[in-house]
Structures are given as C-alpha cells and as structure tokens.
N, C-alpha and C. Protein backbone atom coordinates (compact mmCIF):
# COMPACT_ATOMS: atom_id res chain seq x y z
N MET A 1 159.88 22.99 -3.07
CA MET A 1 159.18 23.98 -3.88
C MET A 1 159.60 25.37 -3.42
N ASP A 2 159.86 26.25 -4.38
CA ASP A 2 160.31 27.58 -4.00
C ASP A 2 159.13 28.48 -3.61
N ASN A 3 159.47 29.62 -3.04
CA ASN A 3 158.43 30.53 -2.55
C ASN A 3 157.51 31.04 -3.64
N ASP A 4 158.05 31.30 -4.85
CA ASP A 4 157.20 31.78 -5.94
C ASP A 4 156.16 30.75 -6.31
N SER A 5 156.53 29.48 -6.34
CA SER A 5 155.58 28.42 -6.65
C SER A 5 154.51 28.34 -5.57
N GLU A 6 154.90 28.49 -4.33
CA GLU A 6 153.93 28.47 -3.24
C GLU A 6 152.95 29.63 -3.36
N LYS A 7 153.44 30.82 -3.71
CA LYS A 7 152.58 31.99 -3.83
C LYS A 7 151.59 31.85 -4.98
N ASN A 8 151.97 31.12 -6.03
CA ASN A 8 151.13 30.98 -7.21
C ASN A 8 150.16 29.82 -7.13
N LYS A 9 150.19 29.05 -6.07
CA LYS A 9 149.26 27.94 -5.93
C LYS A 9 147.83 28.45 -5.87
N LYS A 10 146.96 27.77 -6.56
CA LYS A 10 145.55 28.13 -6.54
C LYS A 10 144.87 27.46 -5.35
N ILE A 11 144.09 28.25 -4.64
CA ILE A 11 143.40 27.76 -3.43
C ILE A 11 142.00 27.28 -3.81
N ILE A 12 141.70 26.07 -3.39
CA ILE A 12 140.37 25.49 -3.60
C ILE A 12 139.73 25.27 -2.24
N LEU A 13 138.52 25.78 -2.08
CA LEU A 13 137.72 25.43 -0.92
C LEU A 13 136.83 24.28 -1.34
N TRP A 14 137.02 23.14 -0.69
CA TRP A 14 136.28 21.94 -1.04
C TRP A 14 135.38 21.55 0.11
N ILE A 15 134.08 21.50 -0.14
CA ILE A 15 133.07 21.22 0.88
C ILE A 15 132.49 19.84 0.61
N GLU A 16 132.92 18.87 1.41
CA GLU A 16 132.57 17.46 1.20
C GLU A 16 132.57 16.74 2.54
N ASP A 17 131.46 16.04 2.86
CA ASP A 17 131.38 15.36 4.15
C ASP A 17 131.79 13.89 4.10
N ASP A 18 131.95 13.31 2.93
CA ASP A 18 132.36 11.91 2.80
C ASP A 18 133.88 11.83 2.94
N MET A 19 134.36 11.27 4.04
CA MET A 19 135.79 11.27 4.33
C MET A 19 136.59 10.42 3.35
N MET A 20 136.03 9.33 2.84
CA MET A 20 136.76 8.51 1.89
C MET A 20 137.00 9.30 0.59
N ILE A 21 135.94 9.91 0.07
CA ILE A 21 136.09 10.73 -1.13
C ILE A 21 137.02 11.90 -0.83
N GLY A 22 136.87 12.46 0.37
CA GLY A 22 137.72 13.58 0.77
C GLY A 22 139.19 13.24 0.72
N THR A 23 139.54 12.07 1.19
CA THR A 23 140.94 11.66 1.20
C THR A 23 141.45 11.38 -0.21
N ILE A 24 140.70 10.60 -0.97
CA ILE A 24 141.14 10.20 -2.30
C ILE A 24 141.26 11.41 -3.24
N LEU A 25 140.18 12.19 -3.35
CA LEU A 25 140.22 13.33 -4.26
C LEU A 25 141.11 14.44 -3.71
N GLY A 26 141.10 14.60 -2.40
CA GLY A 26 141.97 15.62 -1.79
C GLY A 26 143.43 15.37 -2.13
N ASN A 27 143.88 14.13 -2.02
CA ASN A 27 145.26 13.79 -2.37
C ASN A 27 145.54 14.05 -3.84
N LYS A 28 144.57 13.75 -4.69
CA LYS A 28 144.73 13.96 -6.14
C LYS A 28 144.86 15.46 -6.44
N LEU A 29 144.04 16.28 -5.82
CA LEU A 29 144.10 17.73 -6.06
C LEU A 29 145.41 18.32 -5.54
N ILE A 30 145.84 17.87 -4.38
CA ILE A 30 147.10 18.36 -3.82
C ILE A 30 148.27 17.95 -4.71
N SER A 31 148.26 16.69 -5.18
CA SER A 31 149.35 16.24 -6.05
C SER A 31 149.31 16.95 -7.41
N ALA A 32 148.15 17.48 -7.79
CA ALA A 32 148.04 18.25 -9.03
C ALA A 32 148.50 19.70 -8.84
N GLY A 33 148.90 20.05 -7.62
CA GLY A 33 149.48 21.37 -7.38
C GLY A 33 148.57 22.41 -6.77
N PHE A 34 147.41 21.98 -6.31
CA PHE A 34 146.47 22.94 -5.70
C PHE A 34 146.66 22.99 -4.19
N ASP A 35 146.34 24.14 -3.62
CA ASP A 35 146.31 24.31 -2.17
C ASP A 35 144.86 24.07 -1.77
N LEU A 36 144.62 23.08 -0.95
CA LEU A 36 143.26 22.63 -0.65
C LEU A 36 142.86 22.96 0.78
N ILE A 37 141.69 23.59 0.90
CA ILE A 37 141.06 23.77 2.20
C ILE A 37 139.82 22.88 2.16
N HIS A 38 139.81 21.84 2.97
CA HIS A 38 138.71 20.88 2.95
C HIS A 38 137.90 21.04 4.23
N VAL A 39 136.60 21.25 4.07
CA VAL A 39 135.69 21.31 5.21
C VAL A 39 134.55 20.33 4.95
N SER A 40 133.88 19.92 6.02
CA SER A 40 132.89 18.85 5.88
C SER A 40 131.44 19.30 6.00
N ASN A 41 131.22 20.61 6.19
CA ASN A 41 129.82 21.08 6.26
C ASN A 41 129.72 22.55 5.88
N GLY A 42 128.49 22.99 5.70
CA GLY A 42 128.24 24.36 5.26
C GLY A 42 128.67 25.42 6.24
N GLU A 43 128.51 25.14 7.53
CA GLU A 43 128.91 26.12 8.54
C GLU A 43 130.41 26.38 8.48
N GLU A 44 131.21 25.30 8.37
CA GLU A 44 132.66 25.46 8.26
C GLU A 44 133.03 26.20 6.98
N ALA A 45 132.30 25.93 5.92
CA ALA A 45 132.57 26.61 4.64
C ALA A 45 132.39 28.11 4.78
N MET A 46 131.29 28.52 5.38
CA MET A 46 131.03 29.95 5.52
C MET A 46 132.08 30.60 6.42
N TYR A 47 132.53 29.90 7.46
CA TYR A 47 133.60 30.42 8.31
C TYR A 47 134.88 30.61 7.48
N GLN A 48 135.25 29.60 6.70
CA GLN A 48 136.47 29.67 5.90
C GLN A 48 136.41 30.81 4.88
N LEU A 49 135.23 31.03 4.30
CA LEU A 49 135.09 32.09 3.30
C LEU A 49 135.27 33.48 3.90
N LYS A 50 135.17 33.59 5.20
CA LYS A 50 135.44 34.87 5.88
C LYS A 50 136.93 35.01 6.21
N GLN A 51 137.68 33.89 6.11
CA GLN A 51 139.10 33.89 6.44
C GLN A 51 139.98 33.97 5.18
N VAL A 52 139.58 33.23 4.14
CA VAL A 52 140.39 33.08 2.94
C VAL A 52 139.49 33.20 1.71
N ILE A 53 139.97 33.88 0.70
CA ILE A 53 139.24 33.95 -0.57
C ILE A 53 139.86 32.91 -1.52
N PRO A 54 139.15 31.83 -1.78
CA PRO A 54 139.71 30.81 -2.68
C PRO A 54 139.56 31.22 -4.15
N HIS A 55 140.25 30.50 -5.02
CA HIS A 55 140.13 30.71 -6.46
C HIS A 55 138.94 29.95 -7.02
N LEU A 56 138.52 28.89 -6.29
CA LEU A 56 137.46 28.01 -6.75
C LEU A 56 136.83 27.33 -5.54
N ILE A 57 135.53 27.06 -5.66
CA ILE A 57 134.81 26.30 -4.63
C ILE A 57 134.28 25.03 -5.28
N VAL A 58 134.57 23.88 -4.67
CA VAL A 58 134.01 22.60 -5.10
C VAL A 58 133.05 22.19 -3.99
N LEU A 59 131.79 22.00 -4.34
CA LEU A 59 130.73 21.89 -3.34
C LEU A 59 129.86 20.65 -3.56
N ASP A 60 129.66 19.91 -2.48
CA ASP A 60 128.68 18.83 -2.48
C ASP A 60 127.34 19.45 -2.08
N LEU A 61 126.26 18.98 -2.65
CA LEU A 61 124.94 19.51 -2.28
C LEU A 61 124.38 18.83 -1.03
N LEU A 62 124.73 17.56 -0.85
CA LEU A 62 124.19 16.78 0.27
C LEU A 62 125.15 16.85 1.44
N LEU A 63 124.89 17.81 2.32
CA LEU A 63 125.76 18.05 3.48
C LEU A 63 124.94 17.98 4.76
N PRO A 64 125.57 17.63 5.87
CA PRO A 64 124.86 17.69 7.15
C PRO A 64 124.62 19.15 7.55
N GLY A 65 123.50 19.40 8.19
CA GLY A 65 123.19 20.77 8.62
C GLY A 65 122.84 21.63 7.44
N VAL A 66 123.61 22.68 7.22
CA VAL A 66 123.39 23.60 6.11
C VAL A 66 123.74 22.88 4.80
N ASP A 67 122.77 22.74 3.90
CA ASP A 67 123.04 22.00 2.66
C ASP A 67 123.74 22.88 1.62
N GLY A 68 124.14 22.26 0.52
CA GLY A 68 124.89 22.96 -0.52
C GLY A 68 124.14 24.11 -1.16
N PHE A 69 122.82 23.98 -1.30
CA PHE A 69 122.05 25.08 -1.89
C PHE A 69 122.08 26.31 -0.99
N LYS A 70 121.98 26.11 0.30
CA LYS A 70 122.05 27.24 1.24
C LYS A 70 123.44 27.88 1.18
N VAL A 71 124.49 27.04 1.07
CA VAL A 71 125.85 27.58 0.93
C VAL A 71 125.93 28.44 -0.33
N LEU A 72 125.38 27.95 -1.44
CA LEU A 72 125.38 28.72 -2.69
C LEU A 72 124.68 30.06 -2.51
N GLU A 73 123.53 30.04 -1.86
CA GLU A 73 122.79 31.28 -1.63
C GLU A 73 123.60 32.24 -0.77
N ASP A 74 124.24 31.71 0.28
CA ASP A 74 125.02 32.56 1.18
C ASP A 74 126.28 33.12 0.52
N ILE A 75 126.88 32.34 -0.38
CA ILE A 75 128.07 32.80 -1.09
C ILE A 75 127.77 34.11 -1.83
N HIS A 76 126.59 34.20 -2.42
CA HIS A 76 126.22 35.38 -3.20
C HIS A 76 126.03 36.62 -2.33
N LYS A 77 126.00 36.44 -1.03
CA LYS A 77 125.82 37.58 -0.12
C LYS A 77 127.14 38.14 0.38
N ILE A 78 128.26 37.46 0.09
CA ILE A 78 129.56 37.88 0.61
C ILE A 78 130.33 38.60 -0.49
N GLU A 79 130.59 39.88 -0.27
CA GLU A 79 131.35 40.66 -1.25
C GLU A 79 132.74 40.06 -1.38
N GLY A 80 133.25 39.98 -2.59
CA GLY A 80 134.58 39.40 -2.83
C GLY A 80 134.55 37.90 -3.00
N VAL A 81 133.42 37.28 -2.68
CA VAL A 81 133.29 35.82 -2.79
C VAL A 81 132.24 35.45 -3.84
N LYS A 82 131.28 36.32 -4.03
CA LYS A 82 130.13 35.97 -4.88
C LYS A 82 130.48 35.66 -6.33
N ASN A 83 131.65 36.11 -6.79
CA ASN A 83 132.05 35.85 -8.18
C ASN A 83 133.02 34.68 -8.32
N ILE A 84 133.32 34.00 -7.24
CA ILE A 84 134.21 32.84 -7.30
C ILE A 84 133.47 31.70 -8.01
N PRO A 85 134.11 31.06 -8.98
CA PRO A 85 133.44 29.94 -9.66
C PRO A 85 133.18 28.78 -8.70
N VAL A 86 132.04 28.12 -8.92
CA VAL A 86 131.64 26.98 -8.10
C VAL A 86 131.40 25.78 -9.01
N ILE A 87 132.00 24.65 -8.63
CA ILE A 87 131.73 23.37 -9.27
C ILE A 87 130.99 22.51 -8.26
N ILE A 88 129.87 21.95 -8.69
CA ILE A 88 129.14 21.01 -7.84
C ILE A 88 129.69 19.61 -8.12
N LEU A 89 130.01 18.88 -7.06
CA LEU A 89 130.42 17.48 -7.15
C LEU A 89 129.56 16.73 -6.14
N THR A 90 128.58 15.99 -6.64
CA THR A 90 127.56 15.45 -5.76
C THR A 90 126.99 14.12 -6.27
N ASN A 91 126.21 13.49 -5.43
CA ASN A 91 125.42 12.32 -5.82
C ASN A 91 123.99 12.72 -6.18
N ALA A 92 123.62 13.96 -5.89
CA ALA A 92 122.26 14.45 -6.14
C ALA A 92 122.10 14.70 -7.63
N ASN A 93 121.33 13.85 -8.31
CA ASN A 93 121.27 13.97 -9.76
C ASN A 93 119.87 14.22 -10.31
N ARG A 94 119.00 14.79 -9.49
CA ARG A 94 117.67 15.15 -10.00
C ARG A 94 117.81 16.35 -10.93
N GLU A 95 117.02 16.36 -11.97
CA GLU A 95 117.02 17.47 -12.92
C GLU A 95 116.74 18.80 -12.20
N SER A 96 115.87 18.77 -11.20
CA SER A 96 115.56 20.00 -10.45
C SER A 96 116.78 20.52 -9.69
N ASP A 97 117.63 19.60 -9.19
CA ASP A 97 118.86 20.02 -8.50
C ASP A 97 119.81 20.70 -9.48
N ILE A 98 119.94 20.12 -10.66
CA ILE A 98 120.84 20.69 -11.67
C ILE A 98 120.36 22.08 -12.08
N LYS A 99 119.07 22.23 -12.34
CA LYS A 99 118.52 23.53 -12.75
C LYS A 99 118.65 24.57 -11.64
N LYS A 100 118.40 24.16 -10.41
CA LYS A 100 118.52 25.10 -9.28
C LYS A 100 119.98 25.54 -9.12
N ALA A 101 120.91 24.60 -9.23
CA ALA A 101 122.33 24.94 -9.11
C ALA A 101 122.75 25.90 -10.22
N GLN A 102 122.30 25.64 -11.44
CA GLN A 102 122.63 26.52 -12.55
C GLN A 102 122.04 27.91 -12.34
N ALA A 103 120.83 27.97 -11.82
CA ALA A 103 120.20 29.27 -11.54
C ALA A 103 120.99 30.05 -10.48
N LEU A 104 121.69 29.33 -9.62
CA LEU A 104 122.50 29.96 -8.58
C LEU A 104 123.94 30.22 -9.05
N GLY A 105 124.18 30.05 -10.36
CA GLY A 105 125.46 30.46 -10.94
C GLY A 105 126.56 29.41 -10.97
N VAL A 106 126.24 28.16 -10.73
CA VAL A 106 127.25 27.10 -10.75
C VAL A 106 127.83 26.97 -12.15
N LYS A 107 129.15 26.82 -12.22
CA LYS A 107 129.84 26.71 -13.51
C LYS A 107 129.76 25.31 -14.10
N LYS A 108 129.81 24.29 -13.24
CA LYS A 108 129.82 22.90 -13.71
C LYS A 108 129.13 22.03 -12.66
N PHE A 109 128.38 21.05 -13.14
CA PHE A 109 127.66 20.13 -12.26
C PHE A 109 128.17 18.73 -12.58
N LEU A 110 128.93 18.14 -11.65
CA LEU A 110 129.51 16.82 -11.83
C LEU A 110 128.88 15.82 -10.87
N LEU A 111 128.58 14.64 -11.39
CA LEU A 111 128.08 13.57 -10.54
C LEU A 111 129.24 12.69 -10.11
N LYS A 112 129.33 12.43 -8.82
CA LYS A 112 130.44 11.62 -8.30
C LYS A 112 130.58 10.28 -9.01
N PRO A 113 129.49 9.49 -9.12
CA PRO A 113 129.66 8.17 -9.72
C PRO A 113 130.07 8.20 -11.19
N ALA A 114 129.79 9.29 -11.89
CA ALA A 114 130.06 9.37 -13.33
C ALA A 114 131.33 10.13 -13.66
N SER A 115 132.05 10.62 -12.65
CA SER A 115 133.23 11.46 -12.88
C SER A 115 134.50 10.78 -12.38
N SER A 116 135.48 10.65 -13.27
CA SER A 116 136.77 10.09 -12.85
C SER A 116 137.56 11.17 -12.11
N LEU A 117 138.57 10.73 -11.37
CA LEU A 117 139.43 11.69 -10.69
C LEU A 117 140.10 12.63 -11.70
N GLU A 118 140.51 12.08 -12.83
CA GLU A 118 141.16 12.88 -13.85
C GLU A 118 140.20 13.94 -14.41
N GLU A 119 138.94 13.56 -14.62
CA GLU A 119 137.96 14.52 -15.13
C GLU A 119 137.72 15.64 -14.12
N ILE A 120 137.65 15.28 -12.85
CA ILE A 120 137.43 16.30 -11.81
C ILE A 120 138.60 17.28 -11.77
N VAL A 121 139.83 16.75 -11.80
CA VAL A 121 141.01 17.62 -11.79
C VAL A 121 141.03 18.51 -13.03
N LYS A 122 140.65 17.96 -14.18
CA LYS A 122 140.59 18.75 -15.42
C LYS A 122 139.61 19.90 -15.28
N GLU A 123 138.43 19.63 -14.73
CA GLU A 123 137.43 20.69 -14.54
C GLU A 123 137.92 21.73 -13.54
N VAL A 124 138.57 21.29 -12.47
CA VAL A 124 139.12 22.22 -11.49
C VAL A 124 140.13 23.14 -12.18
N ARG A 125 141.00 22.57 -12.99
CA ARG A 125 141.99 23.39 -13.72
C ARG A 125 141.28 24.40 -14.65
N THR A 126 140.22 23.97 -15.31
CA THR A 126 139.50 24.84 -16.23
C THR A 126 138.98 26.09 -15.53
N TYR A 127 138.44 25.93 -14.34
CA TYR A 127 137.81 27.06 -13.64
C TYR A 127 138.71 27.71 -12.60
N CYS A 128 139.92 27.22 -12.46
CA CYS A 128 140.83 27.73 -11.44
C CYS A 128 142.04 28.40 -12.09
N LEU A 129 141.80 29.18 -13.13
CA LEU A 129 142.89 29.84 -13.85
C LEU A 129 143.33 31.12 -13.18
C-alpha cells in the first residue's frame, strides 16, 4: 500500500472487552481498509482519545470498570472529540439503554446478536466518511 493510501485510512476507536468478537470484527474492519485502535475498557478509551482523534468510535455499553454510558458522557467533555460519530455495538437491548444512548448523541445503535459483520462494516462506512 502506498503512503497516500495509508494517510487516507480512516481511524476507528473500537471499545470492546469480548476478545472473540474483538478478533473477528477487528479483522473484518482491518480487511475493509480501516485503521483500528482496539481497547477493552473505558479507561483505555479515554487515554486513547487524548492521543489520537479517530474518525469514528464503536462502543460497547457493557464494559468492565467505566461503562459505555460514562465513556459517552466523558467524550462530550473533550474538545475536538465531542463531535466524533459514535456507533453502539452491544448486547444491552433495553429500550431505556437505546433512549439514553440516543440522548447522548449516538448515531446508530446495533445489537451484536442481530447484526452481521457485513452490516456492521456498512454502518462503519456510513459514519466514517
């Protein structure tokens, strides 16, 4: 791959603690041409957001320690990061979770069991322009 292609890669910060999903979807996103920063908890996510400004954040709500909702709240406090689109990819499917995520500005709410890898990559492309 040439340098121009490398420079134009879209960076995704993906916050997911399930290593099996992390490996499978991570490989799919990388093969689709994205530059992926994968972290497994909210604390690591907040650290990464101080180092790199991604084009998109893909966030699980059910995380060890700092949960996804707290990450969403904290994202809005960081200048230069608060307008980055966020896609939720989670097993948490309560209506209250969906409404709370939408109130916090989430662009798309995807349920892991109901979303194919192709659908997830399609949504990432939609919000990672």
